[in-house]
């Protein structure tokens, strides 16, 4: 069993607190690793967990408009399949890159080795201004 630690960073220097997920397989495709991460995030979001929401799960503008302020009325559920599709599209269009340990994973169907304490970094790419 592997403890996978997820870290979100941006090229602008922002970094969110790391969080861990237990994974029983020793090898997974990047696509499956992203899927599991998002399912966990969406489950926490939909359960209105007091934990801070991770950055890959972002309700669409329509979902935010419908949900309003969480303190005012019950939040609507986020669809994990839609979030997975959005994350895969963002990866394909270079919205972020993924590093497993010190190795960049370039394709969604590439397999990654998961060891006891694997760190997976999601590096969001910030466009350069005026460049």
Protein backbone atom coordinates (compact mmCIF):
# COMPACT_ATOMS: atom_id res chain seq x y z
CA UNK A 1 0.00 0.00 0.00
CA UNK A 2 1.25 3.47 -0.90
CA UNK A 3 0.63 6.78 0.78
CA UNK A 4 0.44 9.28 -2.04
CA UNK A 5 0.93 12.89 -1.04
CA UNK A 6 -0.60 15.46 -3.36
CA UNK A 7 0.86 18.95 -3.63
CA UNK A 8 -0.52 21.76 -5.78
CA UNK A 9 1.85 24.47 -6.96
CA UNK A 10 1.82 27.14 -9.61
CA UNK A 11 4.59 28.66 -11.66
CA UNK A 12 3.69 31.94 -9.91
CA UNK A 13 4.97 30.42 -6.65
CA UNK A 14 1.71 29.54 -4.90
CA UNK A 15 1.64 26.24 -2.99
CA UNK A 16 -1.26 24.62 -1.17
CA UNK A 17 -0.86 22.39 1.88
CA UNK A 18 -0.05 18.78 1.02
CA UNK A 19 -2.60 16.07 1.70
CA UNK A 20 -2.37 12.27 1.52
CA UNK A 21 -4.43 9.46 0.05
CA UNK A 22 -3.94 5.74 0.64
CA UNK A 23 -3.69 3.72 -2.59
CA UNK A 24 -3.43 -0.05 -2.57
CA UNK A 25 -1.96 -0.57 -6.05
CA UNK A 26 1.75 -0.23 -6.76
CA UNK A 27 1.20 1.03 -10.34
CA UNK A 28 -1.55 3.20 -11.78
CA UNK A 29 -1.97 5.28 -14.89
CA UNK A 30 -1.88 9.02 -14.39
CA UNK A 31 -5.51 9.10 -15.57
CA UNK A 32 -6.53 6.75 -12.73
CA UNK A 33 -4.48 8.68 -10.17
CA UNK A 34 -6.23 11.93 -11.18
CA UNK A 35 -9.60 10.16 -11.10
CA UNK A 36 -9.03 8.94 -7.55
CA UNK A 37 -7.83 12.32 -6.39
CA UNK A 38 -10.88 14.05 -7.82
CA UNK A 39 -13.30 11.47 -6.40
CA UNK A 40 -11.82 12.13 -2.94
CA UNK A 41 -12.01 15.90 -3.38
CA UNK A 42 -15.58 15.80 -4.68
CA UNK A 43 -16.67 13.50 -1.84
CA UNK A 44 -15.22 15.99 0.67
CA UNK A 45 -16.78 18.94 -1.14
CA UNK A 46 -20.19 17.31 -1.41
CA UNK A 47 -20.11 16.29 2.24
CA UNK A 48 -19.41 19.95 3.11
CA UNK A 49 -16.29 18.86 4.95
CA UNK A 50 -14.66 21.60 7.00
CA UNK A 51 -11.34 20.82 5.28
CA UNK A 52 -10.17 23.36 2.72
CA UNK A 53 -11.16 22.45 -0.82
CA UNK A 54 -8.28 21.31 -2.99
CA UNK A 55 -7.59 23.22 -6.16
CA UNK A 56 -8.33 20.67 -8.88
CA UNK A 57 -11.98 20.47 -7.84
CA UNK A 58 -13.47 23.76 -8.90
CA UNK A 59 -17.23 24.03 -9.33
CA UNK A 60 -18.11 25.50 -12.70
CA UNK A 61 -19.37 29.08 -12.81
CA UNK A 62 -22.89 27.69 -13.27
CA UNK A 63 -22.50 25.49 -10.19
CA UNK A 64 -21.17 28.47 -8.19
CA UNK A 65 -24.05 30.66 -9.39
CA UNK A 66 -26.59 28.01 -8.44
CA UNK A 67 -24.95 27.23 -5.10
CA UNK A 68 -24.45 30.80 -3.94
CA UNK A 69 -22.79 31.36 -0.58
CA UNK A 70 -22.53 28.05 1.32
CA UNK A 71 -23.60 29.84 4.50
CA UNK A 72 -26.86 31.05 2.96
CA UNK A 73 -28.33 27.81 1.63
CA UNK A 74 -27.37 24.19 1.11
CA UNK A 75 -24.70 23.65 -1.53
CA UNK A 76 -25.46 21.65 -4.61
CA UNK A 77 -23.45 18.58 -5.36
CA UNK A 78 -20.46 18.73 -7.69
CA UNK A 79 -20.40 16.07 -10.41
CA UNK A 80 -17.16 14.04 -10.15
CA UNK A 81 -17.35 12.82 -13.77
CA UNK A 82 -17.53 16.39 -15.03
CA UNK A 83 -14.59 17.39 -12.83
CA UNK A 84 -12.55 14.44 -14.14
CA UNK A 85 -13.30 15.44 -17.74
CA UNK A 86 -12.29 19.05 -16.99
CA UNK A 87 -9.04 17.94 -15.31
CA UNK A 88 -8.14 15.64 -18.22
CA UNK A 89 -8.82 18.44 -20.70
CA UNK A 90 -6.71 20.87 -18.66
CA UNK A 91 -3.84 18.35 -18.60
CA UNK A 92 -4.07 17.78 -22.38
CA UNK A 93 -4.07 21.54 -23.04
CA UNK A 94 -1.05 22.13 -20.77
CA UNK A 95 -3.03 23.77 -17.97
CA UNK A 96 -0.88 21.82 -15.54
CA UNK A 97 1.90 19.25 -15.50
CA UNK A 98 2.27 16.36 -13.08
CA UNK A 99 5.48 15.32 -11.37
CA UNK A 100 5.67 11.98 -9.60
CA UNK A 101 8.72 12.28 -7.41
CA UNK A 102 11.14 14.09 -9.70
CA UNK A 103 9.78 12.64 -12.97
CA UNK A 104 7.31 14.47 -15.20
CA UNK A 105 4.46 12.28 -16.44
CA UNK A 106 3.65 13.31 -19.99
CA UNK A 107 0.60 11.24 -20.96
CA UNK A 108 -2.60 10.36 -19.12
CA UNK A 109 -2.11 6.67 -19.91
CA UNK A 110 1.50 6.56 -18.66
CA UNK A 111 1.88 4.29 -15.65
CA UNK A 112 3.46 5.59 -12.49
CA UNK A 113 5.12 3.61 -9.71
CA UNK A 114 3.65 4.29 -6.30
CA UNK A 115 5.93 3.63 -3.39
CA UNK A 116 5.35 3.98 0.31
CA UNK A 117 5.75 7.78 0.36
CA UNK A 118 5.19 9.01 -3.19
CA UNK A 119 4.78 12.75 -3.71
CA UNK A 120 2.70 13.86 -6.69
CA UNK A 121 2.96 17.53 -7.62
CA UNK A 122 0.35 19.19 -9.80
CA UNK A 123 2.09 22.25 -11.23
CA UNK A 124 -0.38 24.74 -12.68
CA UNK A 125 1.10 26.71 -15.53
CA UNK A 126 0.51 30.44 -15.41
CA UNK A 127 0.65 32.24 -18.77
CA UNK A 128 3.27 34.93 -19.17
CA UNK A 129 1.97 38.47 -19.59
CA UNK A 130 3.12 40.34 -22.66
CA UNK A 131 5.32 37.48 -23.82
